[in-house]
Amino acid sequence: TEDEPDSFVRVRTLGSDSRVALIR
């Protein structure tokens, strides 16, 4: 939920095209 702590977190870096994506 919005008020609860993260259940998962990781640092991401931008690609050469200034984009970042996730897939589930």
PDBML (XML) file of the C-alpha atoms, coordinates in Angstrom:
<?xml version="1.0" encoding="UTF-8" ?>
<PDBx:datablock datablockName="MODEL"
   xmlns:PDBx="http://pdbml.pdb.org/schema/pdbx-v50.xsd"
   xmlns:xsi="http://www.w3.org/2001/XMLSchema-instance"
   xsi:schemaLocation="http://pdbml.pdb.org/schema/pdbx-v50.xsd pdbx-v50.xsd">
   <PDBx:atom_siteCategory>
      <PDBx:atom_site id="1">
         <PDBx:B_iso_or_equiv>0.00</PDBx:B_iso_or_equiv>
         <PDBx:Cartn_x>0.000</PDBx:Cartn_x>
         <PDBx:Cartn_y>0.000</PDBx:Cartn_y>
         <PDBx:Cartn_z>0.000</PDBx:Cartn_z>
         <PDBx:auth_asym_id>A</PDBx:auth_asym_id>
         <PDBx:auth_atom_id>CA</PDBx:auth_atom_id>
         <PDBx:auth_comp_id>THR</PDBx:auth_comp_id>
         <PDBx:auth_seq_id>1</PDBx:auth_seq_id>
         <PDBx:group_PDB>ATOM</PDBx:group_PDB>
         <PDBx:label_alt_id xsi:nil="true" />
         <PDBx:label_asym_id>A</PDBx:label_asym_id>
         <PDBx:label_atom_id>CA</PDBx:label_atom_id>
         <PDBx:label_comp_id>THR</PDBx:label_comp_id>
         <PDBx:label_entity_id>1</PDBx:label_entity_id>
         <PDBx:label_seq_id>1</PDBx:label_seq_id>
         <PDBx:occupancy>1.00</PDBx:occupancy>
         <PDBx:pdbx_PDB_model_num>1</PDBx:pdbx_PDB_model_num>
         <PDBx:type_symbol>C</PDBx:type_symbol>
      </PDBx:atom_site>
      <PDBx:atom_site id="2">
         <PDBx:B_iso_or_equiv>0.00</PDBx:B_iso_or_equiv>
         <PDBx:Cartn_x>1.068</PDBx:Cartn_x>
         <PDBx:Cartn_y>3.611</PDBx:Cartn_y>
         <PDBx:Cartn_z>-0.326</PDBx:Cartn_z>
         <PDBx:auth_asym_id>A</PDBx:auth_asym_id>
         <PDBx:auth_atom_id>CA</PDBx:auth_atom_id>
         <PDBx:auth_comp_id>GLU</PDBx:auth_comp_id>
         <PDBx:auth_seq_id>2</PDBx:auth_seq_id>
         <PDBx:group_PDB>ATOM</PDBx:group_PDB>
         <PDBx:label_alt_id xsi:nil="true" />
         <PDBx:label_asym_id>A</PDBx:label_asym_id>
         <PDBx:label_atom_id>CA</PDBx:label_atom_id>
         <PDBx:label_comp_id>GLU</PDBx:label_comp_id>
         <PDBx:label_entity_id>1</PDBx:label_entity_id>
         <PDBx:label_seq_id>2</PDBx:label_seq_id>
         <PDBx:occupancy>1.00</PDBx:occupancy>
         <PDBx:pdbx_PDB_model_num>1</PDBx:pdbx_PDB_model_num>
         <PDBx:type_symbol>C</PDBx:type_symbol>
      </PDBx:atom_site>
      <PDBx:atom_site id="3">
         <PDBx:B_iso_or_equiv>0.00</PDBx:B_iso_or_equiv>
         <PDBx:Cartn_x>1.624</PDBx:Cartn_x>
         <PDBx:Cartn_y>3.933</PDBx:Cartn_y>
         <PDBx:Cartn_z>3.428</PDBx:Cartn_z>
         <PDBx:auth_asym_id>A</PDBx:auth_asym_id>
         <PDBx:auth_atom_id>CA</PDBx:auth_atom_id>
         <PDBx:auth_comp_id>ASP</PDBx:auth_comp_id>
         <PDBx:auth_seq_id>3</PDBx:auth_seq_id>
         <PDBx:group_PDB>ATOM</PDBx:group_PDB>
         <PDBx:label_alt_id xsi:nil="true" />
         <PDBx:label_asym_id>A</PDBx:label_asym_id>
         <PDBx:label_atom_id>CA</PDBx:label_atom_id>
         <PDBx:label_comp_id>ASP</PDBx:label_comp_id>
         <PDBx:label_entity_id>1</PDBx:label_entity_id>
         <PDBx:label_seq_id>3</PDBx:label_seq_id>
         <PDBx:occupancy>1.00</PDBx:occupancy>
         <PDBx:pdbx_PDB_model_num>1</PDBx:pdbx_PDB_model_num>
         <PDBx:type_symbol>C</PDBx:type_symbol>
      </PDBx:atom_site>
      <PDBx:atom_site id="4">
         <PDBx:B_iso_or_equiv>0.00</PDBx:B_iso_or_equiv>
         <PDBx:Cartn_x>3.611</PDBx:Cartn_x>
         <PDBx:Cartn_y>0.717</PDBx:Cartn_y>
         <PDBx:Cartn_z>3.933</PDBx:Cartn_z>
         <PDBx:auth_asym_id>A</PDBx:auth_asym_id>
         <PDBx:auth_atom_id>CA</PDBx:auth_atom_id>
         <PDBx:auth_comp_id>GLU</PDBx:auth_comp_id>
         <PDBx:auth_seq_id>4</PDBx:auth_seq_id>
         <PDBx:group_PDB>ATOM</PDBx:group_PDB>
         <PDBx:label_alt_id xsi:nil="true" />
         <PDBx:label_asym_id>A</PDBx:label_asym_id>
         <PDBx:label_atom_id>CA</PDBx:label_atom_id>
         <PDBx:label_comp_id>GLU</PDBx:label_comp_id>
         <PDBx:label_entity_id>1</PDBx:label_entity_id>
         <PDBx:label_seq_id>4</PDBx:label_seq_id>
         <PDBx:occupancy>1.00</PDBx:occupancy>
         <PDBx:pdbx_PDB_model_num>1</PDBx:pdbx_PDB_model_num>
         <PDBx:type_symbol>C</PDBx:type_symbol>
      </PDBx:atom_site>
      <PDBx:atom_site id="5">
         <PDBx:B_iso_or_equiv>0.00</PDBx:B_iso_or_equiv>
         <PDBx:Cartn_x>7.399</PDBx:Cartn_x>
         <PDBx:Cartn_y>0.270</PDBx:Cartn_y>
         <PDBx:Cartn_z>3.558</PDBx:Cartn_z>
         <PDBx:auth_asym_id>A</PDBx:auth_asym_id>
         <PDBx:auth_atom_id>CA</PDBx:auth_atom_id>
         <PDBx:auth_comp_id>PRO</PDBx:auth_comp_id>
         <PDBx:auth_seq_id>5</PDBx:auth_seq_id>
         <PDBx:group_PDB>ATOM</PDBx:group_PDB>
         <PDBx:label_alt_id xsi:nil="true" />
         <PDBx:label_asym_id>A</PDBx:label_asym_id>
         <PDBx:label_atom_id>CA</PDBx:label_atom_id>
         <PDBx:label_comp_id>PRO</PDBx:label_comp_id>
         <PDBx:label_entity_id>1</PDBx:label_entity_id>
         <PDBx:label_seq_id>5</PDBx:label_seq_id>
         <PDBx:occupancy>1.00</PDBx:occupancy>
         <PDBx:pdbx_PDB_model_num>1</PDBx:pdbx_PDB_model_num>
         <PDBx:type_symbol>C</PDBx:type_symbol>
      </PDBx:atom_site>
      <PDBx:atom_site id="6">
         <PDBx:B_iso_or_equiv>0.00</PDBx:B_iso_or_equiv>
         <PDBx:Cartn_x>8.872</PDBx:Cartn_x>
         <PDBx:Cartn_y>-1.091</PDBx:Cartn_y>
         <PDBx:Cartn_z>0.346</PDBx:Cartn_z>
         <PDBx:auth_asym_id>A</PDBx:auth_asym_id>
         <PDBx:auth_atom_id>CA</PDBx:auth_atom_id>
         <PDBx:auth_comp_id>ASP</PDBx:auth_comp_id>
         <PDBx:auth_seq_id>6</PDBx:auth_seq_id>
         <PDBx:group_PDB>ATOM</PDBx:group_PDB>
         <PDBx:label_alt_id xsi:nil="true" />
         <PDBx:label_asym_id>A</PDBx:label_asym_id>
         <PDBx:label_atom_id>CA</PDBx:label_atom_id>
         <PDBx:label_comp_id>ASP</PDBx:label_comp_id>
         <PDBx:label_entity_id>1</PDBx:label_entity_id>
         <PDBx:label_seq_id>6</PDBx:label_seq_id>
         <PDBx:occupancy>1.00</PDBx:occupancy>
         <PDBx:pdbx_PDB_model_num>1</PDBx:pdbx_PDB_model_num>
         <PDBx:type_symbol>C</PDBx:type_symbol>
      </PDBx:atom_site>
      <PDBx:atom_site id="7">
         <PDBx:B_iso_or_equiv>0.00</PDBx:B_iso_or_equiv>
         <PDBx:Cartn_x>8.627</PDBx:Cartn_x>
         <PDBx:Cartn_y>-4.838</PDBx:Cartn_y>
         <PDBx:Cartn_z>-0.128</PDBx:Cartn_z>
         <PDBx:auth_asym_id>A</PDBx:auth_asym_id>
         <PDBx:auth_atom_id>CA</PDBx:auth_atom_id>
         <PDBx:auth_comp_id>SER</PDBx:auth_comp_id>
         <PDBx:auth_seq_id>7</PDBx:auth_seq_id>
         <PDBx:group_PDB>ATOM</PDBx:group_PDB>
         <PDBx:label_alt_id xsi:nil="true" />
         <PDBx:label_asym_id>A</PDBx:label_asym_id>
         <PDBx:label_atom_id>CA</PDBx:label_atom_id>
         <PDBx:label_comp_id>SER</PDBx:label_comp_id>
         <PDBx:label_entity_id>1</PDBx:label_entity_id>
         <PDBx:label_seq_id>7</PDBx:label_seq_id>
         <PDBx:occupancy>1.00</PDBx:occupancy>
         <PDBx:pdbx_PDB_model_num>1</PDBx:pdbx_PDB_model_num>
         <PDBx:type_symbol>C</PDBx:type_symbol>
      </PDBx:atom_site>
      <PDBx:atom_site id="8">
         <PDBx:B_iso_or_equiv>0.00</PDBx:B_iso_or_equiv>
         <PDBx:Cartn_x>11.166</PDBx:Cartn_x>
         <PDBx:Cartn_y>-4.608</PDBx:Cartn_y>
         <PDBx:Cartn_z>-2.949</PDBx:Cartn_z>
         <PDBx:auth_asym_id>A</PDBx:auth_asym_id>
         <PDBx:auth_atom_id>CA</PDBx:auth_atom_id>
         <PDBx:auth_comp_id>PHE</PDBx:auth_comp_id>
         <PDBx:auth_seq_id>8</PDBx:auth_seq_id>
         <PDBx:group_PDB>ATOM</PDBx:group_PDB>
         <PDBx:label_alt_id xsi:nil="true" />
         <PDBx:label_asym_id>A</PDBx:label_asym_id>
         <PDBx:label_atom_id>CA</PDBx:label_atom_id>
         <PDBx:label_comp_id>PHE</PDBx:label_comp_id>
         <PDBx:label_entity_id>1</PDBx:label_entity_id>
         <PDBx:label_seq_id>8</PDBx:label_seq_id>
         <PDBx:occupancy>1.00</PDBx:occupancy>
         <PDBx:pdbx_PDB_model_num>1</PDBx:pdbx_PDB_model_num>
         <PDBx:type_symbol>C</PDBx:type_symbol>
      </PDBx:atom_site>
      <PDBx:atom_site id="9">
         <PDBx:B_iso_or_equiv>0.00</PDBx:B_iso_or_equiv>
         <PDBx:Cartn_x>13.562</PDBx:Cartn_x>
         <PDBx:Cartn_y>-1.885</PDBx:Cartn_y>
         <PDBx:Cartn_z>-4.065</PDBx:Cartn_z>
         <PDBx:auth_asym_id>A</PDBx:auth_asym_id>
         <PDBx:auth_atom_id>CA</PDBx:auth_atom_id>
         <PDBx:auth_comp_id>VAL</PDBx:auth_comp_id>
         <PDBx:auth_seq_id>9</PDBx:auth_seq_id>
         <PDBx:group_PDB>ATOM</PDBx:group_PDB>
         <PDBx:label_alt_id xsi:nil="true" />
         <PDBx:label_asym_id>A</PDBx:label_asym_id>
         <PDBx:label_atom_id>CA</PDBx:label_atom_id>
         <PDBx:label_comp_id>VAL</PDBx:label_comp_id>
         <PDBx:label_entity_id>1</PDBx:label_entity_id>
         <PDBx:label_seq_id>9</PDBx:label_seq_id>
         <PDBx:occupancy>1.00</PDBx:occupancy>
         <PDBx:pdbx_PDB_model_num>1</PDBx:pdbx_PDB_model_num>
         <PDBx:type_symbol>C</PDBx:type_symbol>
      </PDBx:atom_site>
      <PDBx:atom_site id="10">
         <PDBx:B_iso_or_equiv>0.00</PDBx:B_iso_or_equiv>
         <PDBx:Cartn_x>16.589</PDBx:Cartn_x>
         <PDBx:Cartn_y>-1.698</PDBx:Cartn_y>
         <PDBx:Cartn_z>-6.343</PDBx:Cartn_z>
         <PDBx:auth_asym_id>A</PDBx:auth_asym_id>
         <PDBx:auth_atom_id>CA</PDBx:auth_atom_id>
         <PDBx:auth_comp_id>ARG</PDBx:auth_comp_id>
         <PDBx:auth_seq_id>10</PDBx:auth_seq_id>
         <PDBx:group_PDB>ATOM</PDBx:group_PDB>
         <PDBx:label_alt_id xsi:nil="true" />
         <PDBx:label_asym_id>A</PDBx:label_asym_id>
         <PDBx:label_atom_id>CA</PDBx:label_atom_id>
         <PDBx:label_comp_id>ARG</PDBx:label_comp_id>
         <PDBx:label_entity_id>1</PDBx:label_entity_id>
         <PDBx:label_seq_id>10</PDBx:label_seq_id>
         <PDBx:occupancy>1.00</PDBx:occupancy>
         <PDBx:pdbx_PDB_model_num>1</PDBx:pdbx_PDB_model_num>
         <PDBx:type_symbol>C</PDBx:type_symbol>
      </PDBx:atom_site>
      <PDBx:atom_site id="11">
         <PDBx:B_iso_or_equiv>0.00</PDBx:B_iso_or_equiv>
         <PDBx:Cartn_x>18.636</PDBx:Cartn_x>
         <PDBx:Cartn_y>1.084</PDBx:Cartn_y>
         <PDBx:Cartn_z>-7.908</PDBx:Cartn_z>
         <PDBx:auth_asym_id>A</PDBx:auth_asym_id>
         <PDBx:auth_atom_id>CA</PDBx:auth_atom_id>
         <PDBx:auth_comp_id>VAL</PDBx:auth_comp_id>
         <PDBx:auth_seq_id>11</PDBx:auth_seq_id>
         <PDBx:group_PDB>ATOM</PDBx:group_PDB>
         <PDBx:label_alt_id xsi:nil="true" />
         <PDBx:label_asym_id>A</PDBx:label_asym_id>
         <PDBx:label_atom_id>CA</PDBx:label_atom_id>
         <PDBx:label_comp_id>VAL</PDBx:label_comp_id>
         <PDBx:label_entity_id>1</PDBx:label_entity_id>
         <PDBx:label_seq_id>11</PDBx:label_seq_id>
         <PDBx:occupancy>1.00</PDBx:occupancy>
         <PDBx:pdbx_PDB_model_num>1</PDBx:pdbx_PDB_model_num>
         <PDBx:type_symbol>C</PDBx:type_symbol>
      </PDBx:atom_site>
      <PDBx:atom_site id="12">
         <PDBx:B_iso_or_equiv>0.00</PDBx:B_iso_or_equiv>
         <PDBx:Cartn_x>18.242</PDBx:Cartn_x>
         <PDBx:Cartn_y>1.445</PDBx:Cartn_y>
         <PDBx:Cartn_z>-11.663</PDBx:Cartn_z>
         <PDBx:auth_asym_id>A</PDBx:auth_asym_id>
         <PDBx:auth_atom_id>CA</PDBx:auth_atom_id>
         <PDBx:auth_comp_id>ARG</PDBx:auth_comp_id>
         <PDBx:auth_seq_id>12</PDBx:auth_seq_id>
         <PDBx:group_PDB>ATOM</PDBx:group_PDB>
         <PDBx:label_alt_id xsi:nil="true" />
         <PDBx:label_asym_id>A</PDBx:label_asym_id>
         <PDBx:label_atom_id>CA</PDBx:label_atom_id>
         <PDBx:label_comp_id>ARG</PDBx:label_comp_id>
         <PDBx:label_entity_id>1</PDBx:label_entity_id>
         <PDBx:label_seq_id>12</PDBx:label_seq_id>
         <PDBx:occupancy>1.00</PDBx:occupancy>
         <PDBx:pdbx_PDB_model_num>1</PDBx:pdbx_PDB_model_num>
         <PDBx:type_symbol>C</PDBx:type_symbol>
      </PDBx:atom_site>
      <PDBx:atom_site id="13">
         <PDBx:B_iso_or_equiv>0.00</PDBx:B_iso_or_equiv>
         <PDBx:Cartn_x>20.286</PDBx:Cartn_x>
         <PDBx:Cartn_y>3.310</PDBx:Cartn_y>
         <PDBx:Cartn_z>-14.283</PDBx:Cartn_z>
         <PDBx:auth_asym_id>A</PDBx:auth_asym_id>
         <PDBx:auth_atom_id>CA</PDBx:auth_atom_id>
         <PDBx:auth_comp_id>THR</PDBx:auth_comp_id>
         <PDBx:auth_seq_id>13</PDBx:auth_seq_id>
         <PDBx:group_PDB>ATOM</PDBx:group_PDB>
         <PDBx:label_alt_id xsi:nil="true" />
         <PDBx:label_asym_id>A</PDBx:label_asym_id>
         <PDBx:label_atom_id>CA</PDBx:label_atom_id>
         <PDBx:label_comp_id>THR</PDBx:label_comp_id>
         <PDBx:label_entity_id>1</PDBx:label_entity_id>
         <PDBx:label_seq_id>13</PDBx:label_seq_id>
         <PDBx:occupancy>1.00</PDBx:occupancy>
         <PDBx:pdbx_PDB_model_num>1</PDBx:pdbx_PDB_model_num>
         <PDBx:type_symbol>C</PDBx:type_symbol>
      </PDBx:atom_site>
      <PDBx:atom_site id="14">
         <PDBx:B_iso_or_equiv>0.00</PDBx:B_iso_or_equiv>
         <PDBx:Cartn_x>19.105</PDBx:Cartn_x>
         <PDBx:Cartn_y>5.099</PDBx:Cartn_y>
         <PDBx:Cartn_z>-17.408</PDBx:Cartn_z>
         <PDBx:auth_asym_id>A</PDBx:auth_asym_id>
         <PDBx:auth_atom_id>CA</PDBx:auth_atom_id>
         <PDBx:auth_comp_id>LEU</PDBx:auth_comp_id>
         <PDBx:auth_seq_id>14</PDBx:auth_seq_id>
         <PDBx:group_PDB>ATOM</PDBx:group_PDB>
         <PDBx:label_alt_id xsi:nil="true" />
         <PDBx:label_asym_id>A</PDBx:label_asym_id>
         <PDBx:label_atom_id>CA</PDBx:label_atom_id>
         <PDBx:label_comp_id>LEU</PDBx:label_comp_id>
         <PDBx:label_entity_id>1</PDBx:label_entity_id>
         <PDBx:label_seq_id>14</PDBx:label_seq_id>
         <PDBx:occupancy>1.00</PDBx:occupancy>
         <PDBx:pdbx_PDB_model_num>1</PDBx:pdbx_PDB_model_num>
         <PDBx:type_symbol>C</PDBx:type_symbol>
      </PDBx:atom_site>
      <PDBx:atom_site id="15">
         <PDBx:B_iso_or_equiv>0.00</PDBx:B_iso_or_equiv>
         <PDBx:Cartn_x>19.698</PDBx:Cartn_x>
         <PDBx:Cartn_y>3.605</PDBx:Cartn_y>
         <PDBx:Cartn_z>-20.803</PDBx:Cartn_z>
         <PDBx:auth_asym_id>A</PDBx:auth_asym_id>
         <PDBx:auth_atom_id>CA</PDBx:auth_atom_id>
         <PDBx:auth_comp_id>GLY</PDBx:auth_comp_id>
         <PDBx:auth_seq_id>15</PDBx:auth_seq_id>
         <PDBx:group_PDB>ATOM</PDBx:group_PDB>
         <PDBx:label_alt_id xsi:nil="true" />
         <PDBx:label_asym_id>A</PDBx:label_asym_id>
         <PDBx:label_atom_id>CA</PDBx:label_atom_id>
         <PDBx:label_comp_id>GLY</PDBx:label_comp_id>
         <PDBx:label_entity_id>1</PDBx:label_entity_id>
         <PDBx:label_seq_id>15</PDBx:label_seq_id>
         <PDBx:occupancy>1.00</PDBx:occupancy>
         <PDBx:pdbx_PDB_model_num>1</PDBx:pdbx_PDB_model_num>
         <PDBx:type_symbol>C</PDBx:type_symbol>
      </PDBx:atom_site>
      <PDBx:atom_site id="16">
         <PDBx:B_iso_or_equiv>0.00</PDBx:B_iso_or_equiv>
         <PDBx:Cartn_x>21.504</PDBx:Cartn_x>
         <PDBx:Cartn_y>5.492</PDBx:Cartn_y>
         <PDBx:Cartn_z>-23.547</PDBx:Cartn_z>
         <PDBx:auth_asym_id>A</PDBx:auth_asym_id>
         <PDBx:auth_atom_id>CA</PDBx:auth_atom_id>
         <PDBx:auth_comp_id>SER</PDBx:auth_comp_id>
         <PDBx:auth_seq_id>16</PDBx:auth_seq_id>
         <PDBx:group_PDB>ATOM</PDBx:group_PDB>
         <PDBx:label_alt_id xsi:nil="true" />
         <PDBx:label_asym_id>A</PDBx:label_asym_id>
         <PDBx:label_atom_id>CA</PDBx:label_atom_id>
         <PDBx:label_comp_id>SER</PDBx:label_comp_id>
         <PDBx:label_entity_id>1</PDBx:label_entity_id>
         <PDBx:label_seq_id>16</PDBx:label_seq_id>
         <PDBx:occupancy>1.00</PDBx:occupancy>
         <PDBx:pdbx_PDB_model_num>1</PDBx:pdbx_PDB_model_num>
         <PDBx:type_symbol>C</PDBx:type_symbol>
      </PDBx:atom_site>
      <PDBx:atom_site id="17">
         <PDBx:B_iso_or_equiv>0.00</PDBx:B_iso_or_equiv>
         <PDBx:Cartn_x>18.097</PDBx:Cartn_x>
         <PDBx:Cartn_y>6.753</PDBx:Cartn_y>
         <PDBx:Cartn_z>-24.734</PDBx:Cartn_z>
         <PDBx:auth_asym_id>A</PDBx:auth_asym_id>
         <PDBx:auth_atom_id>CA</PDBx:auth_atom_id>
         <PDBx:auth_comp_id>ASP</PDBx:auth_comp_id>
         <PDBx:auth_seq_id>17</PDBx:auth_seq_id>
         <PDBx:group_PDB>ATOM</PDBx:group_PDB>
         <PDBx:label_alt_id xsi:nil="true" />
         <PDBx:label_asym_id>A</PDBx:label_asym_id>
         <PDBx:label_atom_id>CA</PDBx:label_atom_id>
         <PDBx:label_comp_id>ASP</PDBx:label_comp_id>
         <PDBx:label_entity_id>1</PDBx:label_entity_id>
         <PDBx:label_seq_id>17</PDBx:label_seq_id>
         <PDBx:occupancy>1.00</PDBx:occupancy>
         <PDBx:pdbx_PDB_model_num>1</PDBx:pdbx_PDB_model_num>
         <PDBx:type_symbol>C</PDBx:type_symbol>
      </PDBx:atom_site>
      <PDBx:atom_site id="18">
         <PDBx:B_iso_or_equiv>0.00</PDBx:B_iso_or_equiv>
         <PDBx:Cartn_x>17.294</PDBx:Cartn_x>
         <PDBx:Cartn_y>8.279</PDBx:Cartn_y>
         <PDBx:Cartn_z>-21.295</PDBx:Cartn_z>
         <PDBx:auth_asym_id>A</PDBx:auth_asym_id>
         <PDBx:auth_atom_id>CA</PDBx:auth_atom_id>
         <PDBx:auth_comp_id>SER</PDBx:auth_comp_id>
         <PDBx:auth_seq_id>18</PDBx:auth_seq_id>
         <PDBx:group_PDB>ATOM</PDBx:group_PDB>
         <PDBx:label_alt_id xsi:nil="true" />
         <PDBx:label_asym_id>A</PDBx:label_asym_id>
         <PDBx:label_atom_id>CA</PDBx:label_atom_id>
         <PDBx:label_comp_id>SER</PDBx:label_comp_id>
         <PDBx:label_entity_id>1</PDBx:label_entity_id>
         <PDBx:label_seq_id>18</PDBx:label_seq_id>
         <PDBx:occupancy>1.00</PDBx:occupancy>
         <PDBx:pdbx_PDB_model_num>1</PDBx:pdbx_PDB_model_num>
         <PDBx:type_symbol>C</PDBx:type_symbol>
      </PDBx:atom_site>
      <PDBx:atom_site id="19">
         <PDBx:B_iso_or_equiv>0.00</PDBx:B_iso_or_equiv>
         <PDBx:Cartn_x>14.650</PDBx:Cartn_x>
         <PDBx:Cartn_y>5.652</PDBx:Cartn_y>
         <PDBx:Cartn_z>-20.541</PDBx:Cartn_z>
         <PDBx:auth_asym_id>A</PDBx:auth_asym_id>
         <PDBx:auth_atom_id>CA</PDBx:auth_atom_id>
         <PDBx:auth_comp_id>ARG</PDBx:auth_comp_id>
         <PDBx:auth_seq_id>19</PDBx:auth_seq_id>
         <PDBx:group_PDB>ATOM</PDBx:group_PDB>
         <PDBx:label_alt_id xsi:nil="true" />
         <PDBx:label_asym_id>A</PDBx:label_asym_id>
         <PDBx:label_atom_id>CA</PDBx:label_atom_id>
         <PDBx:label_comp_id>ARG</PDBx:label_comp_id>
         <PDBx:label_entity_id>1</PDBx:label_entity_id>
         <PDBx:label_seq_id>19</PDBx:label_seq_id>
         <PDBx:occupancy>1.00</PDBx:occupancy>
         <PDBx:pdbx_PDB_model_num>1</PDBx:pdbx_PDB_model_num>
         <PDBx:type_symbol>C</PDBx:type_symbol>
      </PDBx:atom_site>
      <PDBx:atom_site id="20">
         <PDBx:B_iso_or_equiv>0.00</PDBx:B_iso_or_equiv>
         <PDBx:Cartn_x>14.055</PDBx:Cartn_x>
         <PDBx:Cartn_y>3.150</PDBx:Cartn_y>
         <PDBx:Cartn_z>-17.758</PDBx:Cartn_z>
         <PDBx:auth_asym_id>A</PDBx:auth_asym_id>
         <PDBx:auth_atom_id>CA</PDBx:auth_atom_id>
         <PDBx:auth_comp_id>VAL</PDBx:auth_comp_id>
         <PDBx:auth_seq_id>20</PDBx:auth_seq_id>
         <PDBx:group_PDB>ATOM</PDBx:group_PDB>
         <PDBx:label_alt_id xsi:nil="true" />
         <PDBx:label_asym_id>A</PDBx:label_asym_id>
         <PDBx:label_atom_id>CA</PDBx:label_atom_id>
         <PDBx:label_comp_id>VAL</PDBx:label_comp_id>
         <PDBx:label_entity_id>1</PDBx:label_entity_id>
         <PDBx:label_seq_id>20</PDBx:label_seq_id>
         <PDBx:occupancy>1.00</PDBx:occupancy>
         <PDBx:pdbx_PDB_model_num>1</PDBx:pdbx_PDB_model_num>
         <PDBx:type_symbol>C</PDBx:type_symbol>
      </PDBx:atom_site>
      <PDBx:atom_site id="21">
         <PDBx:B_iso_or_equiv>0.00</PDBx:B_iso_or_equiv>
         <PDBx:Cartn_x>11.521</PDBx:Cartn_x>
         <PDBx:Cartn_y>0.316</PDBx:Cartn_y>
         <PDBx:Cartn_z>-17.877</PDBx:Cartn_z>
         <PDBx:auth_asym_id>A</PDBx:auth_asym_id>
         <PDBx:auth_atom_id>CA</PDBx:auth_atom_id>
         <PDBx:auth_comp_id>ALA</PDBx:auth_comp_id>
         <PDBx:auth_seq_id>21</PDBx:auth_seq_id>
         <PDBx:group_PDB>ATOM</PDBx:group_PDB>
         <PDBx:label_alt_id xsi:nil="true" />
         <PDBx:label_asym_id>A</PDBx:label_asym_id>
         <PDBx:label_atom_id>CA</PDBx:label_atom_id>
         <PDBx:label_comp_id>ALA</PDBx:label_comp_id>
         <PDBx:label_entity_id>1</PDBx:label_entity_id>
         <PDBx:label_seq_id>21</PDBx:label_seq_id>
         <PDBx:occupancy>1.00</PDBx:occupancy>
         <PDBx:pdbx_PDB_model_num>1</PDBx:pdbx_PDB_model_num>
         <PDBx:type_symbol>C</PDBx:type_symbol>
      </PDBx:atom_site>
      <PDBx:atom_site id="22">
         <PDBx:B_iso_or_equiv>0.00</PDBx:B_iso_or_equiv>
         <PDBx:Cartn_x>10.141</PDBx:Cartn_x>
         <PDBx:Cartn_y>-2.529</PDBx:Cartn_y>
         <PDBx:Cartn_z>-15.799</PDBx:Cartn_z>
         <PDBx:auth_asym_id>A</PDBx:auth_asym_id>
         <PDBx:auth_atom_id>CA</PDBx:auth_atom_id>
         <PDBx:auth_comp_id>LEU</PDBx:auth_comp_id>
         <PDBx:auth_seq_id>22</PDBx:auth_seq_id>
         <PDBx:group_PDB>ATOM</PDBx:group_PDB>
         <PDBx:label_alt_id xsi:nil="true" />
         <PDBx:label_asym_id>A</PDBx:label_asym_id>
         <PDBx:label_atom_id>CA</PDBx:label_atom_id>
         <PDBx:label_comp_id>LEU</PDBx:label_comp_id>
         <PDBx:label_entity_id>1</PDBx:label_entity_id>
         <PDBx:label_seq_id>22</PDBx:label_seq_id>
         <PDBx:occupancy>1.00</PDBx:occupancy>
         <PDBx:pdbx_PDB_model_num>1</PDBx:pdbx_PDB_model_num>
         <PDBx:type_symbol>C</PDBx:type_symbol>
      </PDBx:atom_site>
      <PDBx:atom_site id="23">
         <PDBx:B_iso_or_equiv>0.00</PDBx:B_iso_or_equiv>
         <PDBx:Cartn_x>8.195</PDBx:Cartn_x>
         <PDBx:Cartn_y>-5.598</PDBx:Cartn_y>
         <PDBx:Cartn_z>-16.848</PDBx:Cartn_z>
         <PDBx:auth_asym_id>A</PDBx:auth_asym_id>
         <PDBx:auth_atom_id>CA</PDBx:auth_atom_id>
         <PDBx:auth_comp_id>ILE</PDBx:auth_comp_id>
         <PDBx:auth_seq_id>23</PDBx:auth_seq_id>
         <PDBx:group_PDB>ATOM</PDBx:group_PDB>
         <PDBx:label_alt_id xsi:nil="true" />
         <PDBx:label_asym_id>A</PDBx:label_asym_id>
         <PDBx:label_atom_id>CA</PDBx:label_atom_id>
         <PDBx:label_comp_id>ILE</PDBx:label_comp_id>
         <PDBx:label_entity_id>1</PDBx:label_entity_id>
         <PDBx:label_seq_id>23</PDBx:label_seq_id>
         <PDBx:occupancy>1.00</PDBx:occupancy>
         <PDBx:pdbx_PDB_model_num>1</PDBx:pdbx_PDB_model_num>
         <PDBx:type_symbol>C</PDBx:type_symbol>
      </PDBx:atom_site>
      <PDBx:atom_site id="24">
         <PDBx:B_iso_or_equiv>0.00</PDBx:B_iso_or_equiv>
         <PDBx:Cartn_x>6.145</PDBx:Cartn_x>
         <PDBx:Cartn_y>-7.878</PDBx:Cartn_y>
         <PDBx:Cartn_z>-14.599</PDBx:Cartn_z>
         <PDBx:auth_asym_id>A</PDBx:auth_asym_id>
         <PDBx:auth_atom_id>CA</PDBx:auth_atom_id>
         <PDBx:auth_comp_id>ARG</PDBx:auth_comp_id>
         <PDBx:auth_seq_id>24</PDBx:auth_seq_id>
         <PDBx:group_PDB>ATOM</PDBx:group_PDB>
         <PDBx:label_alt_id xsi:nil="true" />
         <PDBx:label_asym_id>A</PDBx:label_asym_id>
         <PDBx:label_atom_id>CA</PDBx:label_atom_id>
         <PDBx:label_comp_id>ARG</PDBx:label_comp_id>
         <PDBx:label_entity_id>1</PDBx:label_entity_id>
         <PDBx:label_seq_id>24</PDBx:label_seq_id>
         <PDBx:occupancy>1.00</PDBx:occupancy>
         <PDBx:pdbx_PDB_model_num>1</PDBx:pdbx_PDB_model_num>
         <PDBx:type_symbol>C</PDBx:type_symbol>
      </PDBx:atom_site>
   </PDBx:atom_siteCategory>
</PDBx:datablock>
